[in-house]
PDB file of N, CA and C in Angstrom:
ATOM      1  N   MET A   1      -0.537  18.097   3.241  1.00  0.00           N
ATOM      2  CA  MET A   1      -0.209  17.735   4.839  1.00  0.00           C
ATOM      3  C   MET A   1      -1.474  16.495   4.803  1.00  0.00           C
ATOM      4  N   MET A   2      -0.312  15.269   5.679  1.00  0.00           N
ATOM      5  CA  MET A   2      -0.824  14.163   6.501  1.00  0.00           C
ATOM      6  C   MET A   2      -1.883  14.087   7.421  1.00  0.00           C
ATOM      7  N   HIS A   3      -2.968  13.764   7.448  1.00  0.00           N
ATOM      8  CA  HIS A   3      -3.483  13.647   8.652  1.00  0.00           C
ATOM      9  C   HIS A   3      -2.959  12.823   9.578  1.00  0.00           C
ATOM     10  N   GLU A   4      -2.587  13.377  11.021  1.00  0.00           N
ATOM     11  CA  GLU A   4      -1.449  12.587  11.949  1.00  0.00           C
ATOM     12  C   GLU A   4      -2.111  11.504  11.961  1.00  0.00           C
ATOM     13  N   ASP A   5      -3.251  11.220  12.118  1.00  0.00           N
ATOM     14  CA  ASP A   5      -3.778   9.635  12.160  1.00  0.00           C
ATOM     15  C   ASP A   5      -3.455   8.728  10.897  1.00  0.00           C
ATOM     16  N   SER A   6      -3.469   9.146  10.426  1.00  0.00           N
ATOM     17  CA  SER A   6      -3.222   8.025   9.098  1.00  0.00           C
ATOM     18  C   SER A   6      -2.079   7.269   8.908  1.00  0.00           C
ATOM     19  N   ILE A   7      -1.886   6.331   8.244  1.00  0.00           N
ATOM     20  CA  ILE A   7      -0.539   5.663   8.605  1.00  0.00           C
ATOM     21  C   ILE A   7      -0.306   4.938   7.217  1.00  0.00           C
ATOM     22  N   GLN A   8       0.935   5.376   6.877  1.00  0.00           N
ATOM     23  CA  GLN A   8       1.771   5.381   5.948  1.00  0.00           C
ATOM     24  C   GLN A   8       2.392   4.046   5.290  1.00  0.00           C
ATOM     25  N   LEU A   9       2.015   3.510   4.373  1.00  0.00           N
ATOM     26  CA  LEU A   9       3.274   2.316   3.930  1.00  0.00           C
ATOM     27  C   LEU A   9       3.873   2.330   2.774  1.00  0.00           C
ATOM     28  N   LEU A  10       5.244   2.088   2.751  1.00  0.00           N
ATOM     29  CA  LEU A  10       5.965   1.917   1.056  1.00  0.00           C
ATOM     30  C   LEU A  10       6.365   1.157   0.979  1.00  0.00           C
ATOM     31  N   ILE A  11       5.656   0.643  -0.402  1.00  0.00           N
ATOM     32  CA  ILE A  11       5.183  -0.770  -0.876  1.00  0.00           C
ATOM     33  C   ILE A  11       5.937  -0.329  -2.496  1.00  0.00           C
ATOM     34  N   GLU A  12       7.236  -1.547  -2.901  1.00  0.00           N
ATOM     35  CA  GLU A  12       7.855  -2.024  -3.685  1.00  0.00           C
ATOM     36  C   GLU A  12       7.111  -2.480  -4.390  1.00  0.00           C
ATOM     37  N   MET A  13       7.450  -2.791  -5.778  1.00  0.00           N
ATOM     38  CA  MET A  13       6.081  -3.441  -6.691  1.00  0.00           C
ATOM     39  C   MET A  13       6.699  -3.935  -7.791  1.00  0.00           C
ATOM     40  N   ASP A  14       6.204  -4.411  -8.687  1.00  0.00           N
ATOM     41  CA  ASP A  14       6.581  -3.896 -10.284  1.00  0.00           C
ATOM     42  C   ASP A  14       5.530  -3.403 -10.868  1.00  0.00           C
ATOM     43  N   LYS A  15       6.341  -2.285 -11.700  1.00  0.00           N
ATOM     44  CA  LYS A  15       5.358  -0.912 -11.983  1.00  0.00           C
ATOM     45  C   LYS A  15       4.371  -1.725 -12.758  1.00  0.00           C
ATOM     46  N   LYS A  16       4.134  -2.520 -13.787  1.00  0.00           N
ATOM     47  CA  LYS A  16       3.024  -3.459 -13.932  1.00  0.00           C
ATOM     48  C   LYS A  16       1.805  -3.594 -13.186  1.00  0.00           C
ATOM     49  N   ASP A  17       2.088  -3.711 -11.933  1.00  0.00           N
ATOM     50  CA  ASP A  17       1.318  -3.927 -11.289  1.00  0.00           C
ATOM     51  C   ASP A  17      -0.093  -2.773 -10.198  1.00  0.00           C
ATOM     52  N   ILE A  18       1.278  -1.721 -10.605  1.00  0.00           N
ATOM     53  CA  ILE A  18       0.161  -0.605  -9.470  1.00  0.00           C
ATOM     54  C   ILE A  18      -0.883  -0.328 -10.155  1.00  0.00           C
ATOM     55  N   ALA A  19      -1.764  -0.007 -11.460  1.00  0.00           N
ATOM     56  CA  ALA A  19      -2.718   0.130 -11.534  1.00  0.00           C
ATOM     57  C   ALA A  19      -3.829  -1.015 -10.924  1.00  0.00           C
ATOM     58  N   PHE A  20      -3.745  -2.085 -11.143  1.00  0.00           N
ATOM     59  CA  PHE A  20      -4.088  -2.911 -10.213  1.00  0.00           C
ATOM     60  C   PHE A  20      -4.224  -3.071  -8.897  1.00  0.00           C
ATOM     61  N   LEU A  21      -3.438  -2.312  -8.169  1.00  0.00           N
ATOM     62  CA  LEU A  21      -3.489  -2.482  -6.443  1.00  0.00           C
ATOM     63  C   LEU A  21      -4.284  -0.862  -6.270  1.00  0.00           C
ATOM     64  N   VAL A  22      -4.076   0.267  -7.413  1.00  0.00           N
ATOM     65  CA  VAL A  22      -5.188   1.261  -7.439  1.00  0.00           C
ATOM     66  C   VAL A  22      -6.830   0.330  -7.313  1.00  0.00           C
ATOM     67  N   GLY A  23      -6.955  -0.392  -8.427  1.00  0.00           N
ATOM     68  CA  GLY A  23      -8.084  -0.806  -8.454  1.00  0.00           C
ATOM     69  C   GLY A  23      -8.658  -1.373  -7.439  1.00  0.00           C
ATOM     70  N   LEU A  24      -7.887  -2.431  -6.358  1.00  0.00           N
ATOM     71  CA  LEU A  24      -7.878  -3.469  -5.898  1.00  0.00           C
ATOM     72  C   LEU A  24      -8.461  -2.621  -4.612  1.00  0.00           C
ATOM     73  N   MET A  25      -7.827  -1.675  -4.351  1.00  0.00           N
ATOM     74  CA  MET A  25      -7.828  -0.637  -2.776  1.00  0.00           C
ATOM     75  C   MET A  25      -9.156  -0.018  -3.086  1.00  0.00           C
ATOM     76  N   GLU A  26      -9.607   0.591  -4.333  1.00  0.00           N
ATOM     77  CA  GLU A  26     -10.947   0.968  -4.614  1.00  0.00           C
ATOM     78  C   GLU A  26     -11.867  -0.034  -4.704  1.00  0.00           C
ATOM     79  N   ALA A  27     -11.999  -0.800  -4.575  1.00  0.00           N
ATOM     80  CA  ALA A  27     -12.972  -2.245  -4.937  1.00  0.00           C
ATOM     81  C   ALA A  27     -12.694  -2.513  -3.474  1.00  0.00           C
ATOM     82  N   TYR A  28     -11.905  -2.485  -2.706  1.00  0.00           N
ATOM     83  CA  TYR A  28     -12.194  -2.933  -1.158  1.00  0.00           C
ATOM     84  C   TYR A  28     -12.768  -1.594  -0.087  1.00  0.00           C
ATOM     85  N   ASP A  29     -13.736  -0.804  -0.747  1.00  0.00           N
ATOM     86  CA  ASP A  29     -14.350   0.692  -0.190  1.00  0.00           C
ATOM     87  C   ASP A  29     -12.824   1.292   0.427  1.00  0.00           C
ATOM     88  N   GLU A  30     -12.206   1.505  -0.269  1.00  0.00           N
ATOM     89  CA  GLU A  30     -11.529   2.258  -0.061  1.00  0.00           C
ATOM     90  C   GLU A  30     -10.691   2.587   1.182  1.00  0.00           C
ATOM     91  N   PHE A  31      -9.669   1.134   1.427  1.00  0.00           N
ATOM     92  CA  PHE A  31      -9.023   0.960   2.083  1.00  0.00           C
ATOM     93  C   PHE A  31      -8.029   1.439   2.601  1.00  0.00           C
ATOM     94  N   ALA A  32      -7.292   2.066   1.429  1.00  0.00           N
ATOM     95  CA  ALA A  32      -6.493   2.991   1.820  1.00  0.00           C
ATOM     96  C   ALA A  32      -5.807   3.743   0.298  1.00  0.00           C
ATOM     97  N   VAL A  33      -5.711   4.984   0.545  1.00  0.00           N
ATOM     98  CA  VAL A  33      -5.116   5.675  -0.870  1.00  0.00           C
ATOM     99  C   VAL A  33      -3.740   5.240  -1.612  1.00  0.00           C
ATOM    100  N   VAL A  34      -3.626   5.259  -2.468  1.00  0.00           N
ATOM    101  CA  VAL A  34      -2.141   4.543  -3.760  1.00  0.00           C
ATOM    102  C   VAL A  34      -2.533   5.841  -3.731  1.00  0.00           C
ATOM    103  N   ARG A  35      -0.674   6.255  -3.768  1.00  0.00           N
ATOM    104  CA  ARG A  35       0.366   6.988  -4.206  1.00  0.00           C
ATOM    105  C   ARG A  35       1.187   6.679  -5.184  1.00  0.00           C
ATOM    106  N   THR A  36       1.309   6.917  -5.923  1.00  0.00           N
ATOM    107  CA  THR A  36       2.947   6.449  -6.356  1.00  0.00           C
ATOM    108  C   THR A  36       3.553   7.575  -6.314  1.00  0.00           C
ATOM    109  N   VAL A  37       4.797   6.831  -6.114  1.00  0.00           N
ATOM    110  CA  VAL A  37       6.087   7.388  -5.269  1.00  0.00           C
ATOM    111  C   VAL A  37       7.031   8.276  -6.335  1.00  0.00           C
ATOM    112  N   ASP A  38       7.247   6.183  -7.165  1.00  0.00           N
ATOM    113  CA  ASP A  38       8.530   6.727  -8.014  1.00  0.00           C
ATOM    114  C   ASP A  38       7.601   5.919  -8.968  1.00  0.00           C
ATOM    115  N   GLN A  39       6.855   5.954 -10.205  1.00  0.00           N
ATOM    116  CA  GLN A  39       7.068   4.743 -10.702  1.00  0.00           C
ATOM    117  C   GLN A  39       7.368   3.730 -11.220  1.00  0.00           C
ATOM    118  N   SER A  40       8.822   4.418 -11.921  1.00  0.00           N
ATOM    119  CA  SER A  40       9.886   3.840 -12.993  1.00  0.00           C
ATOM    120  C   SER A  40      10.372   2.482 -11.786  1.00  0.00           C
ATOM    121  N   ARG A  41      10.440   3.305 -10.541  1.00  0.00           N
ATOM    122  CA  ARG A  41      11.032   2.250  -9.768  1.00  0.00           C
ATOM    123  C   ARG A  41       9.468   1.272  -8.582  1.00  0.00           C
ATOM    124  N   GLY A  42       8.431   1.286  -9.132  1.00  0.00           N
ATOM    125  CA  GLY A  42       7.415   0.764  -8.068  1.00  0.00           C
ATOM    126  C   GLY A  42       7.131   0.809  -7.173  1.00  0.00           C
ATOM    127  N   LEU A  43       7.311   2.429  -7.161  1.00  0.00           N
ATOM    128  CA  LEU A  43       7.253   2.586  -5.019  1.00  0.00           C
ATOM    129  C   LEU A  43       6.426   3.288  -5.361  1.00  0.00           C
ATOM    130  N   VAL A  44       5.402   2.745  -4.696  1.00  0.00           N
ATOM    131  CA  VAL A  44       4.088   3.801  -4.025  1.00  0.00           C
ATOM    132  C   VAL A  44       3.995   3.373  -2.798  1.00  0.00           C
ATOM    133  N   GLU A  45       3.076   4.375  -2.016  1.00  0.00           N
ATOM    134  CA  GLU A  45       2.665   4.716  -0.777  1.00  0.00           C
ATOM    135  C   GLU A  45       1.511   4.333  -0.400  1.00  0.00           C
ATOM    136  N   LEU A  46       1.177   3.337   0.595  1.00  0.00           N
ATOM    137  CA  LEU A  46      -0.667   3.231   0.742  1.00  0.00           C
ATOM    138  C   LEU A  46      -0.838   4.021   1.945  1.00  0.00           C
ATOM    139  N   ILE A  47      -1.714   5.098   2.001  1.00  0.00           N
ATOM    140  CA  ILE A  47      -2.249   5.771   3.382  1.00  0.00           C
ATOM    141  C   ILE A  47      -3.641   5.559   4.101  1.00  0.00           C
ATOM    142  N   CYS A  48      -3.204   4.960   4.770  1.00  0.00           N
ATOM    143  CA  CYS A  48      -4.854   4.177   5.719  1.00  0.00           C
ATOM    144  C   CYS A  48      -5.295   4.875   6.697  1.00  0.00           C
ATOM    145  N   SER A  49      -6.133   4.419   7.342  1.00  0.00           N
ATOM    146  CA  SER A  49      -6.847   4.907   8.957  1.00  0.00           C
ATOM    147  C   SER A  49      -6.323   3.815   9.229  1.00  0.00           C
ATOM    148  N   PRO A  50      -6.234   3.715  10.810  1.00  0.00           N
ATOM    149  CA  PRO A  50      -5.606   2.693  11.648  1.00  0.00           C
ATOM    150  C   PRO A  50      -6.699   1.803  11.998  1.00  0.00           C
ATOM    151  N   ASP A  51      -7.847   2.068  11.472  1.00  0.00           N
ATOM    152  CA  ASP A  51      -9.049   1.266  11.750  1.00  0.00           C
ATOM    153  C   ASP A  51      -9.399   0.066  10.666  1.00  0.00           C
ATOM    154  N   TYR A  52      -8.229   0.330   9.515  1.00  0.00           N
ATOM    155  CA  TYR A  52      -7.950  -0.350   8.672  1.00  0.00           C
ATOM    156  C   TYR A  52      -6.989  -1.601   8.121  1.00  0.00           C
ATOM    157  N   MET A  53      -6.292  -1.278   9.413  1.00  0.00           N
ATOM    158  CA  MET A  53      -4.489  -1.503   9.234  1.00  0.00           C
ATOM    159  C   MET A  53      -5.031  -2.844   9.080  1.00  0.00           C
ATOM    160  N   GLN A  54      -5.653  -3.583  10.223  1.00  0.00           N
ATOM    161  CA  GLN A  54      -5.880  -4.975   9.950  1.00  0.00           C
ATOM    162  C   GLN A  54      -5.760  -5.834   8.176  1.00  0.00           C
ATOM    163  N   GLU A  55      -7.062  -5.440   7.931  1.00  0.00           N
ATOM    164  CA  GLU A  55      -7.611  -5.754   6.519  1.00  0.00           C
ATOM    165  C   GLU A  55      -6.327  -5.209   5.538  1.00  0.00           C
ATOM    166  N   VAL A  56      -5.614  -4.074   5.695  1.00  0.00           N
ATOM    167  CA  VAL A  56      -4.777  -3.883   4.850  1.00  0.00           C
ATOM    168  C   VAL A  56      -3.322  -4.733   4.615  1.00  0.00           C
ATOM    169  N   ARG A  57      -2.922  -4.657   5.546  1.00  0.00           N
ATOM    170  CA  ARG A  57      -1.905  -5.922   5.579  1.00  0.00           C
ATOM    171  C   ARG A  57      -1.845  -7.250   5.336  1.00  0.00           C
ATOM    172  N   TYR A  58      -3.752  -7.687   5.456  1.00  0.00           N
ATOM    173  CA  TYR A  58      -4.197  -9.157   5.307  1.00  0.00           C
ATOM    174  C   TYR A  58      -3.969  -8.855   3.936  1.00  0.00           C
ATOM    175  N   LEU A  59      -4.421  -8.129   3.014  1.00  0.00           N
ATOM    176  CA  LEU A  59      -4.607  -8.458   1.575  1.00  0.00           C
ATOM    177  C   LEU A  59      -3.081  -8.100   1.099  1.00  0.00           C
ATOM    178  N   LEU A  60      -2.153  -7.265   1.726  1.00  0.00           N
ATOM    179  CA  LEU A  60      -0.864  -7.896   0.891  1.00  0.00           C
ATOM    180  C   LEU A  60      -0.439  -8.975   1.192  1.00  0.00           C
ATOM    181  N   ASP A  61      -0.319  -9.813   2.416  1.00  0.00           N
ATOM    182  CA  ASP A  61       0.495 -10.751   2.232  1.00  0.00           C
ATOM    183  C   ASP A  61      -0.297 -11.240   1.597  1.00  0.00           C
ATOM    184  N   SER A  62      -1.823 -11.743   0.848  1.00  0.00           N
ATOM    185  CA  SER A  62      -2.555 -12.216  -0.369  1.00  0.00           C
ATOM    186  C   SER A  62      -1.964 -12.050  -1.173  1.00  0.00           C
ATOM    187  N   LEU A  63      -1.785 -10.786  -1.270  1.00  0.00           N
ATOM    188  CA  LEU A  63      -1.042 -10.375  -2.622  1.00  0.00           C
ATOM    189  C   LEU A  63       0.261 -10.850  -2.947  1.00  0.00           C
ATOM    190  N   LYS A  64       1.084 -11.153  -1.790  1.00  0.00           N
ATOM    191  CA  LYS A  64       2.407 -11.459  -2.365  1.00  0.00           C
ATOM    192  C   LYS A  64       2.319 -12.940  -2.347  1.00  0.00           C
ATOM    193  N   ASN A  65       1.638 -13.352  -2.654  1.00  0.00           N
ATOM    194  CA  ASN A  65       1.403 -14.758  -3.168  1.00  0.00           C
ATOM    195  C   ASN A  65       0.749 -14.554  -4.572  1.00  0.00           C
ATOM    196  N   GLU A  66       0.327 -13.502  -5.077  1.00  0.00           N
ATOM    197  CA  GLU A  66       0.077 -13.762  -6.152  1.00  0.00           C
ATOM    198  C   GLU A  66       1.215 -12.681  -7.437  1.00  0.00           C
ATOM    199  N   MET A  67       1.994 -11.499  -6.628  1.00  0.00           N
ATOM    200  CA  MET A  67       3.020 -10.800  -7.101  1.00  0.00           C
ATOM    201  C   MET A  67       3.723 -10.068  -6.460  1.00  0.00           C
ATOM    202  N   PRO A  68       5.147  -9.727  -7.236  1.00  0.00           N
ATOM    203  CA  PRO A  68       6.328  -9.608  -6.478  1.00  0.00           C
ATOM    204  C   PRO A  68       5.967  -8.213  -5.494  1.00  0.00           C
ATOM    205  N   LEU A  69       5.999  -7.981  -4.158  1.00  0.00           N
ATOM    206  CA  LEU A  69       5.486  -7.129  -3.467  1.00  0.00           C
ATOM    207  C   LEU A  69       6.591  -7.182  -2.124  1.00  0.00           C
ATOM    208  N   ARG A  70       7.090  -6.209  -1.792  1.00  0.00           N
ATOM    209  CA  ARG A  70       7.501  -5.779  -0.799  1.00  0.00           C
ATOM    210  C   ARG A  70       7.155  -4.692  -0.226  1.00  0.00           C
ATOM    211  N   VAL A  71       6.774  -4.471   1.348  1.00  0.00           N
ATOM    212  CA  VAL A  71       6.425  -3.356   2.251  1.00  0.00           C
ATOM    213  C   VAL A  71       7.837  -3.048   3.015  1.00  0.00           C
ATOM    214  N   LEU A  72       8.272  -2.170   2.400  1.00  0.00           N
ATOM    215  CA  LEU A  72       9.590  -1.208   2.745  1.00  0.00           C
ATOM    216  C   LEU A  72       9.182  -0.335   4.327  1.00  0.00           C
ATOM    217  N   GLU A  73      10.336  -0.724   4.695  1.00  0.00           N
ATOM    218  CA  GLU A  73      10.510  -0.139   6.668  1.00  0.00           C
ATOM    219  C   GLU A  73      10.648   2.055   5.965  1.00  0.00           C
ATOM    220  N   LYS A  74       9.586   2.677   6.985  1.00  0.00           N
ATOM    221  CA  LYS A  74       9.094   3.602   6.544  1.00  0.00           C
ATOM    222  C   LYS A  74       9.361   4.094   8.484  1.00  0.00           C
ATOM    223  N   PRO A  75      10.017   5.590   9.067  1.00  0.00           N
ATOM    224  CA  PRO A  75       9.865   5.648  10.040  1.00  0.00           C
ATOM    225  C   PRO A  75       8.690   5.496  10.861  1.00  0.00           C
ATOM    226  N   GLY A  76       8.956   4.493  12.010  1.00  0.00           N
ATOM    227  CA  GLY A  76       7.640   4.674  12.695  1.00  0.00           C
ATOM    228  C   GLY A  76       6.830   3.954  12.266  1.00  0.00           C
ATOM    229  N   VAL A  77       6.749   2.978  11.557  1.00  0.00           N
ATOM    230  CA  VAL A  77       5.960   1.973  11.075  1.00  0.00           C
ATOM    231  C   VAL A  77       6.661   0.988  10.633  1.00  0.00           C
ATOM    232  N   LYS A  78       5.988  -0.480  11.362  1.00  0.00           N
ATOM    233  CA  LYS A  78       6.784  -1.483  10.641  1.00  0.00           C
ATOM    234  C   LYS A  78       6.355  -2.449  10.412  1.00  0.00           C
ATOM    235  N   PRO A  79       6.713  -3.122   9.491  1.00  0.00           N
ATOM    236  CA  PRO A  79       6.194  -3.501   7.965  1.00  0.00           C
ATOM    237  C   PRO A  79       5.859  -4.961   8.122  1.00  0.00           C
TER     238      PRO A  79
END
């Protein structure tokens, strides 16, 4: 069960970059937990506290310049 105060973002990326994203989130003081939804499609879910949402979005925007990455829409969450 997901804590109701957490925010979930669905990310589509190259499957070879998933491990890098996991390591990056761990290195940044656990900004978000990364959960692989479908490895073959490169779908991961980031689960983060609302307190870290600004930092997570900034990090994702920066990563878009380095690798193919797309934030997909989820109900109630703006990409």
